[in-house]
């Protein structure tokens, strides 16, 4: 059960500073929504800039991360979280990461929130996710222009699928690194 509600923000329009680019608009929306969760639902500020969450609930066992998307952008693949952080955080069955996907539309200095959807990470179907080569592996939305499909399985099944995907990803990385190592080992013989 969701511990907060942001649906009343859908349809709201805000006037922003002139010249505010995508990151500035995203920060404005994230601050607006996290501020609401903090003030109205007892949310806790993110523990740091590098934290998974934008806001925490229930003593940080329920993490909320807000992801914004400009509806006019052609392609968008947002990073969600590193596979290592999921492994560590989801070790405790009482912990959750929930994503709030916010679609917005910007016209000149006005931004309108068009849609808000909520998904715990284990509710996002693997057809919509991929593991990217960032750090130890980064879970990303494949294409944010496409609707997110709900995962048809349990949390345990989703985590088992994550394990399989991470192992395949790591095998691919090992193979790639071995090839790169051979190139470096043979560097002098190429002259």
Protein backbone atom coordinates (compact mmCIF):
# COMPACT_ATOMS: atom_id res chain seq x y z
CA UNK A 1 0.00 0.00 0.00
CA UNK A 2 1.34 3.43 -0.94
CA UNK A 3 2.21 5.66 1.99
CA UNK A 4 1.56 8.94 0.16
CA UNK A 5 -0.42 10.39 -2.76
CA UNK A 6 0.72 12.92 -5.36
CA UNK A 7 -2.17 12.61 -7.84
CA UNK A 8 -3.49 16.10 -7.06
CA UNK A 9 -0.36 17.53 -8.77
CA UNK A 10 -1.53 16.20 -12.15
CA UNK A 11 -2.77 19.10 -14.27
CA UNK A 12 -1.03 21.77 -12.19
CA UNK A 13 0.94 24.41 -14.07
CA UNK A 14 3.87 26.35 -12.64
CA UNK A 15 5.68 29.39 -13.95
CA UNK A 16 9.44 28.94 -13.86
CA UNK A 17 12.43 31.22 -14.35
CA UNK A 18 13.20 32.06 -17.95
CA UNK A 19 15.89 29.91 -19.56
CA UNK A 20 15.49 26.98 -17.16
CA UNK A 21 16.68 23.84 -18.95
CA UNK A 22 15.65 20.19 -18.53
CA UNK A 23 17.67 19.51 -15.33
CA UNK A 24 16.37 22.70 -13.69
CA UNK A 25 12.76 21.78 -14.53
CA UNK A 26 13.30 18.25 -13.19
CA UNK A 27 14.80 19.62 -9.96
CA UNK A 28 11.84 22.01 -9.55
CA UNK A 29 9.31 19.17 -9.92
CA UNK A 30 11.27 16.80 -7.67
CA UNK A 31 11.56 19.48 -4.96
CA UNK A 32 7.83 20.25 -5.19
CA UNK A 33 6.82 16.60 -4.83
CA UNK A 34 9.40 15.61 -2.20
CA UNK A 35 8.52 18.72 -0.19
CA UNK A 36 4.89 17.59 -0.20
CA UNK A 37 5.78 14.06 0.95
CA UNK A 38 7.98 15.49 3.71
CA UNK A 39 5.44 18.03 4.96
CA UNK A 40 2.23 16.01 4.58
CA UNK A 41 3.38 12.42 5.12
CA UNK A 42 6.33 12.71 7.49
CA UNK A 43 8.87 11.90 4.81
CA UNK A 44 12.59 12.21 5.48
CA UNK A 45 14.99 14.17 3.28
CA UNK A 46 17.41 12.19 1.14
CA UNK A 47 20.38 11.08 3.20
CA UNK A 48 22.81 12.47 0.62
CA UNK A 49 23.12 13.60 -3.00
CA UNK A 50 24.12 10.04 -3.91
CA UNK A 51 21.28 8.29 -2.05
CA UNK A 52 18.85 6.08 -3.90
CA UNK A 53 15.94 8.12 -2.62
CA UNK A 54 14.68 11.64 -3.10
CA UNK A 55 12.67 11.10 0.08
CA UNK A 56 12.47 8.29 2.62
CA UNK A 57 9.54 6.96 4.60
CA UNK A 58 9.36 4.59 7.58
CA UNK A 59 12.90 5.34 8.75
CA UNK A 60 14.27 4.91 5.20
CA UNK A 61 12.94 1.38 4.68
CA UNK A 62 10.58 2.78 2.02
CA UNK A 63 12.53 4.86 -0.49
CA UNK A 64 10.86 7.12 -3.03
CA UNK A 65 12.76 8.21 -6.15
CA UNK A 66 11.11 10.71 -8.49
CA UNK A 67 11.89 10.42 -12.21
CA UNK A 68 10.73 13.18 -14.52
CA UNK A 69 10.24 13.06 -18.27
CA UNK A 70 9.58 15.86 -20.72
CA UNK A 71 6.84 14.54 -23.01
CA UNK A 72 8.40 16.36 -25.96
CA UNK A 73 11.74 14.52 -25.75
CA UNK A 74 12.20 11.90 -28.44
CA UNK A 75 14.05 9.29 -26.40
CA UNK A 76 14.76 8.84 -22.74
CA UNK A 77 16.40 5.95 -20.80
CA UNK A 78 16.46 6.95 -17.14
CA UNK A 79 18.89 5.26 -14.77
CA UNK A 80 17.05 3.78 -11.82
CA UNK A 81 19.56 2.22 -9.45
CA UNK A 82 22.73 0.15 -9.40
CA UNK A 83 22.27 -3.60 -9.20
CA UNK A 84 24.58 -3.62 -6.18
CA UNK A 85 22.36 -1.21 -4.25
CA UNK A 86 19.28 -3.31 -4.99
CA UNK A 87 21.12 -6.43 -3.81
CA UNK A 88 22.11 -4.78 -0.53
CA UNK A 89 18.85 -2.92 0.15
CA UNK A 90 16.47 -5.72 -0.84
CA UNK A 91 18.27 -8.21 1.42
CA UNK A 92 15.70 -7.05 4.01
CA UNK A 93 12.18 -8.07 2.91
CA UNK A 94 10.73 -4.97 4.61
CA UNK A 95 12.64 -2.57 2.34
CA UNK A 96 11.16 -1.07 -0.82
CA UNK A 97 12.22 1.28 -3.58
CA UNK A 98 9.33 3.03 -5.29
CA UNK A 99 9.63 5.14 -8.42
CA UNK A 100 7.35 8.03 -9.16
CA UNK A 101 7.37 8.64 -12.91
CA UNK A 102 6.27 12.18 -13.66
CA UNK A 103 5.50 13.27 -17.22
CA UNK A 104 5.53 16.99 -17.82
CA UNK A 105 5.13 19.43 -20.64
CA UNK A 106 7.10 22.69 -20.86
CA UNK A 107 6.01 25.70 -22.92
CA UNK A 108 8.25 28.75 -22.58
CA UNK A 109 8.35 29.42 -18.83
CA UNK A 110 5.33 27.24 -17.92
CA UNK A 111 5.55 23.61 -16.91
CA UNK A 112 2.49 21.39 -16.51
CA UNK A 113 2.50 18.03 -14.78
CA UNK A 114 0.65 15.72 -17.18
CA UNK A 115 0.80 12.31 -15.53
CA UNK A 116 2.12 10.51 -12.45
CA UNK A 117 2.62 6.76 -12.15
CA UNK A 118 3.95 4.76 -9.21
CA UNK A 119 5.93 1.51 -9.38
CA UNK A 120 7.99 -0.34 -6.85
CA UNK A 121 11.07 -1.57 -8.68
CA UNK A 122 9.88 -5.17 -8.47
CA UNK A 123 6.61 -4.14 -10.16
CA UNK A 124 8.37 -3.12 -13.39
CA UNK A 125 8.44 -5.87 -16.00
CA UNK A 126 11.87 -6.95 -17.24
CA UNK A 127 10.75 -6.22 -20.84
CA UNK A 128 10.93 -2.55 -19.81
CA UNK A 129 14.31 -2.78 -18.05
CA UNK A 130 17.92 -3.34 -18.97
CA UNK A 131 21.24 -3.41 -17.17
CA UNK A 132 23.63 -0.79 -18.50
CA UNK A 133 27.41 -0.76 -18.28
CA UNK A 134 27.78 1.84 -15.53
CA UNK A 135 29.71 0.95 -12.39
CA UNK A 136 28.74 -2.55 -11.26
CA UNK A 137 25.68 -2.42 -13.52
CA UNK A 138 22.85 0.09 -13.61
CA UNK A 139 19.17 -0.80 -13.98
CA UNK A 140 17.60 1.48 -16.59
CA UNK A 141 14.23 1.90 -18.22
CA UNK A 142 14.77 0.73 -21.83
CA UNK A 143 12.64 3.43 -23.42
CA UNK A 144 10.62 5.83 -21.28
CA UNK A 145 8.47 6.77 -24.28
CA UNK A 146 6.87 3.33 -24.09
CA UNK A 147 4.35 2.49 -21.35
CA UNK A 148 5.73 0.62 -18.36
CA UNK A 149 4.38 -2.91 -18.11
CA UNK A 150 3.58 -4.28 -14.68
CA UNK A 151 5.59 -7.37 -13.70
CA UNK A 152 3.38 -10.45 -13.44
CA UNK A 153 5.13 -12.23 -10.60
CA UNK A 154 6.20 -11.97 -6.99
CA UNK A 155 8.99 -9.89 -5.52
CA UNK A 156 11.04 -13.08 -5.06
CA UNK A 157 10.57 -14.02 -8.73
CA UNK A 158 11.59 -10.50 -9.83
CA UNK A 159 14.73 -10.69 -7.66
CA UNK A 160 15.56 -14.14 -9.06
CA UNK A 161 15.26 -12.71 -12.57
CA UNK A 162 17.50 -9.82 -11.52
CA UNK A 163 20.10 -12.33 -10.37
CA UNK A 164 19.99 -14.14 -13.73
CA UNK A 165 20.24 -10.86 -15.67
CA UNK A 166 23.15 -9.62 -13.53
CA UNK A 167 25.06 -12.89 -14.01
CA UNK A 168 24.58 -12.67 -17.80
CA UNK A 169 25.66 -9.02 -17.72
CA UNK A 170 28.79 -9.89 -15.69
CA UNK A 171 29.69 -12.76 -18.04
CA UNK A 172 29.49 -10.33 -20.95
CA UNK A 173 31.65 -7.81 -19.07
CA UNK A 174 34.27 -10.46 -18.24
CA UNK A 175 34.44 -11.53 -21.90
CA UNK A 176 34.79 -7.90 -22.99
CA UNK A 177 37.55 -7.24 -20.41
CA UNK A 178 39.44 -10.36 -21.46
CA UNK A 179 39.42 -9.13 -25.07
CA UNK A 180 40.67 -5.72 -23.98
CA UNK A 181 43.38 -7.35 -21.87
CA UNK A 182 44.61 -9.34 -24.88
CA UNK A 183 44.81 -6.11 -26.90
CA UNK A 184 46.99 -4.56 -24.21
CA UNK A 185 49.12 -7.66 -23.82
CA UNK A 186 49.80 -7.69 -27.56
CA UNK A 187 50.41 -3.96 -27.80
CA UNK A 188 54.16 -4.21 -28.48
CA UNK A 189 53.77 -7.04 -31.01
CA UNK A 190 51.47 -4.87 -33.18
CA UNK A 191 54.32 -2.52 -34.20
